[in-house]
Amino acid sequence: MAWDESRHGLGVPAMDDTHREFVELAYALLVASDEDFPALFVRLHEHTRQHFEHEGKLMKSCRFPAIGEHNSEHLRVLGELAHFARGVAAGRLGAAREYVRNLPTWFAGHLATMDSALAGCLKKA
């Protein structure tokens, strides 16, 4: 998964910059050695926590009507990342690697629905 401005860009620099970093970390994990994977997974988990916290503030700033649904999705993903992080910390990488392989599909759907709606709300505000 590589960043593609025409496919991933939403026209809101604060969101696009964070999404670009997410895509770069996800790709790094896809190709990471077993030695590098644990530290990169920790970075992805922390980045995603900060990313979602920032989006939460953006949602409040424009009174985003779907804030509850969007926040629920964020909480679900953070729970999954925390679950897999425990396995990674114990040296079990297989399930986390499978999770990371599915991130591009999840991200594409989240970007096309929830995040694009948020970007539209921000542009109107």
N, C-alpha and C. Protein backbone atom coordinates (compact mmCIF):
# COMPACT_ATOMS: atom_id res chain seq x y z
N MET A 1 0.85 -1.16 0.00
CA MET A 1 0.00 0.00 0.00
C MET A 1 0.90 1.23 0.00
N ALA A 2 0.83 1.99 -1.05
CA ALA A 2 1.60 3.22 -1.14
C ALA A 2 0.65 4.40 -1.20
N TRP A 3 1.08 5.54 -0.70
CA TRP A 3 0.25 6.74 -0.70
C TRP A 3 0.02 7.18 -2.14
N ASP A 4 -1.21 7.46 -2.47
CA ASP A 4 -1.60 7.97 -3.78
C ASP A 4 -2.51 9.17 -3.53
N GLU A 5 -2.00 10.35 -3.81
CA GLU A 5 -2.75 11.57 -3.51
C GLU A 5 -4.13 11.57 -4.14
N SER A 6 -4.22 11.11 -5.38
CA SER A 6 -5.52 11.14 -6.06
C SER A 6 -6.50 10.13 -5.46
N ARG A 7 -6.00 9.06 -4.89
CA ARG A 7 -6.86 8.03 -4.31
C ARG A 7 -7.09 8.24 -2.82
N HIS A 8 -6.07 8.72 -2.11
CA HIS A 8 -6.14 8.84 -0.65
C HIS A 8 -6.38 10.27 -0.16
N GLY A 9 -6.02 11.26 -0.94
CA GLY A 9 -6.12 12.65 -0.49
C GLY A 9 -7.57 13.10 -0.36
N LEU A 10 -7.85 13.80 0.73
CA LEU A 10 -9.20 14.30 0.98
C LEU A 10 -9.29 15.81 0.86
N GLY A 11 -8.16 16.47 0.64
CA GLY A 11 -8.16 17.92 0.52
C GLY A 11 -8.19 18.66 1.84
N VAL A 12 -7.94 17.95 2.93
CA VAL A 12 -7.82 18.56 4.26
C VAL A 12 -6.41 18.21 4.73
N PRO A 13 -5.48 19.17 4.65
CA PRO A 13 -4.08 18.85 4.94
C PRO A 13 -3.85 18.16 6.28
N ALA A 14 -4.56 18.57 7.32
CA ALA A 14 -4.37 17.95 8.64
C ALA A 14 -4.71 16.46 8.60
N MET A 15 -5.72 16.09 7.82
CA MET A 15 -6.08 14.68 7.70
C MET A 15 -5.14 13.96 6.73
N ASP A 16 -4.84 14.59 5.60
CA ASP A 16 -4.00 13.95 4.59
C ASP A 16 -2.61 13.64 5.13
N ASP A 17 -2.03 14.54 5.89
CA ASP A 17 -0.70 14.31 6.45
C ASP A 17 -0.70 13.10 7.38
N THR A 18 -1.71 13.01 8.24
CA THR A 18 -1.82 11.90 9.18
C THR A 18 -2.07 10.59 8.43
N HIS A 19 -2.92 10.65 7.42
CA HIS A 19 -3.21 9.44 6.64
C HIS A 19 -1.98 8.97 5.87
N ARG A 20 -1.20 9.91 5.36
CA ARG A 20 0.03 9.55 4.64
C ARG A 20 0.97 8.79 5.57
N GLU A 21 1.11 9.26 6.80
CA GLU A 21 1.97 8.59 7.77
C GLU A 21 1.42 7.19 8.10
N PHE A 22 0.11 7.07 8.24
CA PHE A 22 -0.51 5.77 8.50
C PHE A 22 -0.19 4.79 7.37
N VAL A 23 -0.36 5.24 6.14
CA VAL A 23 -0.10 4.39 4.97
C VAL A 23 1.37 3.97 4.95
N GLU A 24 2.27 4.89 5.24
CA GLU A 24 3.70 4.56 5.25
C GLU A 24 4.03 3.54 6.33
N LEU A 25 3.46 3.69 7.51
CA LEU A 25 3.70 2.73 8.59
C LEU A 25 3.10 1.37 8.26
N ALA A 26 1.91 1.36 7.70
CA ALA A 26 1.28 0.08 7.33
C ALA A 26 2.11 -0.64 6.28
N TYR A 27 2.62 0.09 5.30
CA TYR A 27 3.46 -0.53 4.28
C TYR A 27 4.76 -1.05 4.89
N ALA A 28 5.36 -0.27 5.77
CA ALA A 28 6.60 -0.72 6.41
C ALA A 28 6.37 -2.02 7.17
N LEU A 29 5.22 -2.15 7.80
CA LEU A 29 4.90 -3.39 8.51
C LEU A 29 4.69 -4.56 7.55
N LEU A 30 4.09 -4.29 6.41
CA LEU A 30 3.86 -5.36 5.43
C LEU A 30 5.15 -6.01 4.97
N VAL A 31 6.21 -5.23 4.91
CA VAL A 31 7.48 -5.75 4.38
C VAL A 31 8.54 -5.94 5.47
N ALA A 32 8.16 -5.72 6.73
CA ALA A 32 9.13 -5.77 7.83
C ALA A 32 9.61 -7.18 8.12
N SER A 33 10.85 -7.26 8.54
CA SER A 33 11.40 -8.53 9.02
C SER A 33 10.79 -8.83 10.38
N ASP A 34 10.93 -10.06 10.82
CA ASP A 34 10.43 -10.42 12.16
C ASP A 34 11.13 -9.60 13.24
N GLU A 35 12.37 -9.23 12.99
CA GLU A 35 13.12 -8.43 13.95
C GLU A 35 12.57 -7.01 14.07
N ASP A 36 12.18 -6.42 12.94
CA ASP A 36 11.71 -5.04 12.93
C ASP A 36 10.22 -4.90 13.22
N PHE A 37 9.47 -5.96 13.00
CA PHE A 37 8.01 -5.88 13.11
C PHE A 37 7.52 -5.39 14.47
N PRO A 38 8.02 -5.91 15.60
CA PRO A 38 7.47 -5.47 16.89
C PRO A 38 7.56 -3.95 17.13
N ALA A 39 8.70 -3.36 16.86
CA ALA A 39 8.84 -1.92 17.09
C ALA A 39 7.96 -1.12 16.13
N LEU A 40 7.85 -1.57 14.90
CA LEU A 40 6.99 -0.88 13.94
C LEU A 40 5.52 -1.00 14.34
N PHE A 41 5.13 -2.15 14.89
CA PHE A 41 3.75 -2.32 15.31
C PHE A 41 3.43 -1.38 16.46
N VAL A 42 4.36 -1.21 17.38
CA VAL A 42 4.18 -0.26 18.48
C VAL A 42 4.01 1.15 17.91
N ARG A 43 4.81 1.50 16.92
CA ARG A 43 4.70 2.83 16.29
C ARG A 43 3.35 3.01 15.62
N LEU A 44 2.88 1.98 14.91
CA LEU A 44 1.57 2.06 14.26
C LEU A 44 0.46 2.23 15.29
N HIS A 45 0.54 1.47 16.36
CA HIS A 45 -0.48 1.55 17.41
C HIS A 45 -0.51 2.97 18.00
N GLU A 46 0.63 3.52 18.33
CA GLU A 46 0.68 4.86 18.91
C GLU A 46 0.25 5.92 17.90
N HIS A 47 0.72 5.78 16.67
CA HIS A 47 0.30 6.72 15.62
C HIS A 47 -1.22 6.71 15.48
N THR A 48 -1.81 5.52 15.46
CA THR A 48 -3.25 5.39 15.26
C THR A 48 -4.02 5.99 16.43
N ARG A 49 -3.52 5.81 17.64
CA ARG A 49 -4.16 6.41 18.81
C ARG A 49 -4.17 7.94 18.67
N GLN A 50 -3.03 8.51 18.32
CA GLN A 50 -2.94 9.97 18.16
C GLN A 50 -3.78 10.45 16.97
N HIS A 51 -3.74 9.69 15.90
CA HIS A 51 -4.50 9.98 14.68
C HIS A 51 -5.99 10.07 15.01
N PHE A 52 -6.51 9.08 15.73
CA PHE A 52 -7.93 9.05 16.05
C PHE A 52 -8.29 10.15 17.07
N GLU A 53 -7.39 10.44 17.98
CA GLU A 53 -7.62 11.53 18.93
C GLU A 53 -7.75 12.86 18.18
N HIS A 54 -6.87 13.07 17.22
CA HIS A 54 -6.91 14.29 16.41
C HIS A 54 -8.20 14.36 15.60
N GLU A 55 -8.60 13.25 14.98
CA GLU A 55 -9.84 13.25 14.21
C GLU A 55 -11.04 13.52 15.12
N GLY A 56 -10.98 13.03 16.35
CA GLY A 56 -12.06 13.31 17.30
C GLY A 56 -12.22 14.80 17.52
N LYS A 57 -11.10 15.51 17.63
CA LYS A 57 -11.15 16.97 17.81
C LYS A 57 -11.70 17.65 16.55
N LEU A 58 -11.30 17.13 15.39
CA LEU A 58 -11.82 17.70 14.14
C LEU A 58 -13.33 17.49 14.04
N MET A 59 -13.80 16.32 14.45
CA MET A 59 -15.24 16.05 14.41
C MET A 59 -16.00 17.02 15.30
N LYS A 60 -15.47 17.28 16.49
CA LYS A 60 -16.13 18.23 17.39
C LYS A 60 -16.11 19.64 16.81
N SER A 61 -15.01 20.01 16.15
CA SER A 61 -14.87 21.37 15.64
C SER A 61 -15.91 21.71 14.58
N CYS A 62 -16.36 20.71 13.81
CA CYS A 62 -17.35 21.00 12.76
C CYS A 62 -18.72 20.40 13.10
N ARG A 63 -18.85 19.92 14.35
CA ARG A 63 -20.11 19.32 14.79
C ARG A 63 -20.56 18.22 13.82
N PHE A 64 -19.63 17.31 13.58
CA PHE A 64 -19.85 16.21 12.64
C PHE A 64 -21.04 15.36 13.08
N PRO A 65 -22.06 15.23 12.23
CA PRO A 65 -23.28 14.53 12.64
C PRO A 65 -23.08 13.04 12.95
N ALA A 66 -22.11 12.40 12.35
CA ALA A 66 -21.89 10.97 12.57
C ALA A 66 -20.74 10.72 13.55
N ILE A 67 -20.56 11.62 14.50
CA ILE A 67 -19.43 11.51 15.43
C ILE A 67 -19.49 10.21 16.23
N GLY A 68 -20.67 9.79 16.65
CA GLY A 68 -20.78 8.58 17.45
C GLY A 68 -20.34 7.35 16.69
N GLU A 69 -20.82 7.21 15.46
CA GLU A 69 -20.44 6.06 14.63
C GLU A 69 -18.95 6.08 14.33
N HIS A 70 -18.43 7.25 13.99
CA HIS A 70 -17.02 7.37 13.65
C HIS A 70 -16.14 7.04 14.86
N ASN A 71 -16.49 7.59 16.02
CA ASN A 71 -15.72 7.29 17.23
C ASN A 71 -15.81 5.81 17.59
N SER A 72 -16.96 5.19 17.39
CA SER A 72 -17.10 3.76 17.67
C SER A 72 -16.17 2.93 16.80
N GLU A 73 -16.05 3.32 15.54
CA GLU A 73 -15.13 2.62 14.64
C GLU A 73 -13.69 2.79 15.12
N HIS A 74 -13.35 3.98 15.54
CA HIS A 74 -12.01 4.22 16.06
C HIS A 74 -11.73 3.36 17.29
N LEU A 75 -12.68 3.30 18.20
CA LEU A 75 -12.51 2.47 19.41
C LEU A 75 -12.35 1.00 19.06
N ARG A 76 -13.11 0.53 18.08
CA ARG A 76 -13.00 -0.87 17.66
C ARG A 76 -11.58 -1.16 17.15
N VAL A 77 -11.07 -0.30 16.28
CA VAL A 77 -9.74 -0.51 15.71
C VAL A 77 -8.66 -0.42 16.79
N LEU A 78 -8.79 0.54 17.70
CA LEU A 78 -7.81 0.64 18.78
C LEU A 78 -7.83 -0.60 19.67
N GLY A 79 -9.01 -1.17 19.90
CA GLY A 79 -9.10 -2.41 20.66
C GLY A 79 -8.42 -3.56 19.96
N GLU A 80 -8.61 -3.63 18.65
CA GLU A 80 -7.94 -4.68 17.87
C GLU A 80 -6.43 -4.51 17.93
N LEU A 81 -5.97 -3.29 17.74
CA LEU A 81 -4.52 -3.04 17.80
C LEU A 81 -3.95 -3.40 19.17
N ALA A 82 -4.66 -3.08 20.23
CA ALA A 82 -4.20 -3.42 21.59
C ALA A 82 -4.13 -4.93 21.75
N HIS A 83 -5.13 -5.62 21.24
CA HIS A 83 -5.15 -7.09 21.32
C HIS A 83 -3.94 -7.69 20.61
N PHE A 84 -3.71 -7.26 19.38
CA PHE A 84 -2.59 -7.82 18.62
C PHE A 84 -1.25 -7.37 19.19
N ALA A 85 -1.18 -6.19 19.78
CA ALA A 85 0.06 -5.71 20.39
C ALA A 85 0.50 -6.62 21.53
N ARG A 86 -0.47 -7.15 22.28
CA ARG A 86 -0.11 -8.08 23.37
C ARG A 86 0.54 -9.34 22.80
N GLY A 87 0.00 -9.84 21.70
CA GLY A 87 0.60 -11.01 21.07
C GLY A 87 1.99 -10.71 20.53
N VAL A 88 2.14 -9.57 19.90
CA VAL A 88 3.44 -9.17 19.35
C VAL A 88 4.45 -9.06 20.49
N ALA A 89 4.06 -8.46 21.59
CA ALA A 89 4.97 -8.30 22.74
C ALA A 89 5.41 -9.66 23.28
N ALA A 90 4.57 -10.67 23.11
CA ALA A 90 4.90 -12.03 23.58
C ALA A 90 5.62 -12.83 22.50
N GLY A 91 5.93 -12.19 21.37
CA GLY A 91 6.68 -12.87 20.32
C GLY A 91 5.82 -13.60 19.30
N ARG A 92 4.50 -13.43 19.38
CA ARG A 92 3.59 -14.07 18.42
C ARG A 92 3.22 -13.05 17.35
N LEU A 93 3.82 -13.20 16.17
CA LEU A 93 3.65 -12.21 15.11
C LEU A 93 2.62 -12.59 14.06
N GLY A 94 2.29 -13.85 13.96
CA GLY A 94 1.44 -14.34 12.86
C GLY A 94 0.10 -13.64 12.76
N ALA A 95 -0.64 -13.56 13.84
CA ALA A 95 -1.96 -12.95 13.80
C ALA A 95 -1.86 -11.45 13.50
N ALA A 96 -0.87 -10.80 14.06
CA ALA A 96 -0.69 -9.36 13.80
C ALA A 96 -0.31 -9.12 12.35
N ARG A 97 0.51 -9.99 11.81
CA ARG A 97 0.88 -9.85 10.38
C ARG A 97 -0.36 -10.00 9.50
N GLU A 98 -1.23 -10.93 9.84
CA GLU A 98 -2.47 -11.11 9.07
C GLU A 98 -3.34 -9.86 9.19
N TYR A 99 -3.44 -9.32 10.38
CA TYR A 99 -4.20 -8.09 10.61
C TYR A 99 -3.65 -6.96 9.73
N VAL A 100 -2.34 -6.81 9.71
CA VAL A 100 -1.70 -5.75 8.92
C VAL A 100 -1.97 -5.96 7.43
N ARG A 101 -2.01 -7.21 6.98
CA ARG A 101 -2.31 -7.47 5.56
C ARG A 101 -3.71 -6.98 5.19
N ASN A 102 -4.61 -6.93 6.16
CA ASN A 102 -5.98 -6.48 5.90
C ASN A 102 -6.18 -4.98 6.10
N LEU A 103 -5.19 -4.29 6.64
CA LEU A 103 -5.33 -2.85 6.87
C LEU A 103 -5.61 -2.04 5.59
N PRO A 104 -4.97 -2.34 4.46
CA PRO A 104 -5.27 -1.54 3.27
C PRO A 104 -6.75 -1.58 2.88
N THR A 105 -7.37 -2.73 2.99
CA THR A 105 -8.79 -2.84 2.65
C THR A 105 -9.63 -2.05 3.64
N TRP A 106 -9.34 -2.20 4.94
CA TRP A 106 -10.08 -1.44 5.95
C TRP A 106 -9.90 0.06 5.71
N PHE A 107 -8.66 0.49 5.50
CA PHE A 107 -8.37 1.90 5.33
C PHE A 107 -9.11 2.48 4.14
N ALA A 108 -9.12 1.76 3.02
CA ALA A 108 -9.82 2.25 1.82
C ALA A 108 -11.30 2.47 2.11
N GLY A 109 -11.92 1.56 2.81
CA GLY A 109 -13.34 1.70 3.13
C GLY A 109 -13.59 2.83 4.11
N HIS A 110 -12.76 2.92 5.13
CA HIS A 110 -12.91 3.98 6.14
C HIS A 110 -12.70 5.35 5.51
N LEU A 111 -11.72 5.45 4.65
CA LEU A 111 -11.40 6.71 3.98
C LEU A 111 -12.56 7.13 3.08
N ALA A 112 -13.11 6.19 2.32
CA ALA A 112 -14.15 6.49 1.34
C ALA A 112 -15.49 6.84 1.99
N THR A 113 -15.68 6.42 3.23
CA THR A 113 -16.97 6.65 3.88
C THR A 113 -16.82 7.67 5.01
N MET A 114 -16.36 7.22 6.14
CA MET A 114 -16.34 8.06 7.34
C MET A 114 -15.42 9.27 7.21
N ASP A 115 -14.19 9.04 6.74
CA ASP A 115 -13.24 10.15 6.67
C ASP A 115 -13.59 11.14 5.56
N SER A 116 -14.12 10.65 4.44
CA SER A 116 -14.50 11.61 3.39
C SER A 116 -15.69 12.45 3.84
N ALA A 117 -16.60 11.85 4.61
CA ALA A 117 -17.73 12.63 5.15
C ALA A 117 -17.22 13.68 6.14
N LEU A 118 -16.27 13.31 6.97
CA LEU A 118 -15.68 14.27 7.91
C LEU A 118 -14.98 15.39 7.14
N ALA A 119 -14.23 15.05 6.10
CA ALA A 119 -13.55 16.07 5.31
C ALA A 119 -14.56 17.04 4.71
N GLY A 120 -15.68 16.53 4.23
CA GLY A 120 -16.73 17.39 3.68
C GLY A 120 -17.28 18.34 4.73
N CYS A 121 -17.48 17.84 5.94
CA CYS A 121 -17.98 18.66 7.05
C CYS A 121 -16.97 19.76 7.37
N LEU A 122 -15.70 19.42 7.40
CA LEU A 122 -14.66 20.40 7.71
C LEU A 122 -14.56 21.48 6.64
N LYS A 123 -14.74 21.09 5.40
CA LYS A 123 -14.65 22.06 4.30
C LYS A 123 -15.82 23.04 4.33
N LYS A 124 -16.96 22.60 4.83
CA LYS A 124 -18.13 23.48 4.92
C LYS A 124 -18.01 24.46 6.09
N ALA A 125 -17.30 24.03 7.14
CA ALA A 125 -17.23 24.84 8.37
C ALA A 125 -16.35 26.07 8.20
